[in-house]
Amino acid sequence: MLDAKTGIKEHAYEIMLGFSQAFGSFDKALSALRGGKFRFSFTKWVAATIIACAAIAYLWMNPQIASQIGLWLSNPVNFIAVAAVAALIAYILWKAKK
């Protein structure tokens, strides 16, 4: 490109015109030059999955904590409280969809 008789700007125009002719339109040529993109969106579901996997791994590595949580949930008041919080979260997520 530096050895060309014309300037860099004219050489870039020539290359882009060649690409646009090869791809049929200027927009397709630009998208081909940019290449494919990896589209990943970090949503609340991805975050919930990561948190759940981390919690399962933590409980797997510390079984004594898992047994303590089981004992705590064996109390009906605690179990109802956890179920109410889960139902409230489900209701909020359901309302957010609408």
Protein backbone atom coordinates (compact mmCIF):
# COMPACT_ATOMS: atom_id res chain seq x y z
CA MET A 1 0.00 0.00 0.00
CA LEU A 2 2.90 2.35 0.71
CA ASP A 3 4.53 1.52 -2.65
CA ALA A 4 1.44 2.57 -4.63
CA LYS A 5 1.69 5.47 -7.04
CA THR A 6 -1.54 6.94 -5.74
CA GLY A 7 -2.22 8.15 -2.23
CA ILE A 8 -3.46 5.99 0.60
CA LYS A 9 -6.92 7.51 0.38
CA GLU A 10 -7.30 6.69 -3.32
CA HIS A 11 -5.97 3.19 -2.74
CA ALA A 12 -8.49 2.62 0.07
CA TYR A 13 -11.29 3.83 -2.24
CA GLU A 14 -10.11 1.42 -4.93
CA ILE A 15 -10.08 -1.49 -2.47
CA MET A 16 -13.55 -0.64 -1.13
CA LEU A 17 -14.97 -0.34 -4.63
CA GLY A 18 -13.50 -3.75 -5.43
CA PHE A 19 -15.08 -5.24 -2.30
CA SER A 20 -18.44 -3.62 -2.99
CA GLN A 21 -18.38 -4.95 -6.55
CA ALA A 22 -17.46 -8.44 -5.31
CA PHE A 23 -20.18 -8.53 -2.64
CA GLY A 24 -22.86 -6.75 -4.63
CA SER A 25 -23.42 -3.81 -2.31
CA PHE A 26 -21.47 -1.48 -0.07
CA ASP A 27 -23.29 -2.66 3.08
CA LYS A 28 -22.45 -6.31 2.43
CA ALA A 29 -18.82 -5.37 1.78
CA LEU A 30 -18.62 -3.51 5.10
CA SER A 31 -20.19 -6.39 7.01
CA ALA A 32 -17.74 -8.81 5.37
CA LEU A 33 -14.80 -6.64 6.39
CA ARG A 34 -16.02 -6.40 9.99
CA GLY A 35 -16.40 -10.18 10.18
CA GLY A 36 -18.79 -12.19 12.29
CA LYS A 37 -19.51 -11.10 15.80
CA PHE A 38 -19.98 -13.29 18.81
CA ARG A 39 -23.21 -12.06 20.32
CA PHE A 40 -23.59 -12.81 23.98
CA SER A 41 -25.95 -10.92 26.17
CA PHE A 42 -25.60 -11.17 29.92
CA THR A 43 -29.18 -11.49 31.10
CA LYS A 44 -30.75 -12.18 34.46
CA TRP A 45 -31.15 -15.84 33.47
CA VAL A 46 -27.43 -16.20 32.81
CA ALA A 47 -26.70 -14.55 36.16
CA ALA A 48 -29.18 -16.85 37.94
CA THR A 49 -27.59 -19.90 36.31
CA ILE A 50 -24.09 -18.83 37.36
CA ILE A 51 -25.22 -18.16 40.93
CA ALA A 52 -27.06 -21.51 41.11
CA CYS A 53 -24.05 -23.42 39.79
CA ALA A 54 -21.76 -21.67 42.26
CA ALA A 55 -24.16 -22.48 45.13
CA ILE A 56 -24.37 -26.15 44.11
CA ALA A 57 -20.58 -26.39 43.84
CA TYR A 58 -20.16 -24.74 47.25
CA LEU A 59 -22.65 -27.11 48.87
CA TRP A 60 -21.00 -30.06 47.13
CA MET A 61 -17.63 -29.08 48.58
CA ASN A 62 -19.09 -28.42 52.08
CA PRO A 63 -21.62 -31.16 52.86
CA GLN A 64 -21.87 -30.10 56.50
CA ILE A 65 -23.43 -26.80 55.41
CA ALA A 66 -25.89 -28.66 53.18
CA SER A 67 -26.97 -30.78 56.15
CA GLN A 68 -27.36 -27.64 58.30
CA ILE A 69 -29.56 -26.06 55.61
CA GLY A 70 -31.61 -29.27 55.52
CA LEU A 71 -32.10 -29.11 59.26
CA TRP A 72 -33.05 -25.44 59.06
CA LEU A 73 -35.60 -26.16 56.30
CA SER A 74 -37.10 -29.02 58.32
CA ASN A 75 -38.72 -26.36 60.51
CA PRO A 76 -42.13 -25.65 58.90
CA VAL A 77 -41.93 -21.90 59.55
CA ASN A 78 -38.59 -21.62 57.76
CA PHE A 79 -39.82 -23.76 54.89
CA ILE A 80 -42.95 -21.61 54.44
CA ALA A 81 -40.81 -18.45 54.52
CA VAL A 82 -38.52 -19.79 51.78
CA ALA A 83 -41.52 -20.91 49.70
CA ALA A 84 -43.14 -17.47 50.09
CA VAL A 85 -39.98 -15.69 48.96
CA ALA A 86 -39.69 -18.04 45.95
CA ALA A 87 -43.34 -17.42 45.07
CA LEU A 88 -42.84 -13.65 45.36
CA ILE A 89 -39.81 -13.77 43.06
CA ALA A 90 -41.75 -15.89 40.53
CA TYR A 91 -44.67 -13.44 40.66
CA ILE A 92 -42.39 -10.44 40.11
CA LEU A 93 -40.68 -12.13 37.16
CA TRP A 94 -44.07 -13.13 35.72
CA LYS A 95 -45.36 -9.54 36.03
CA ALA A 96 -42.18 -8.18 34.44
CA LYS A 97 -42.87 -10.27 31.32
CA LYS A 98 -46.23 -8.63 30.77
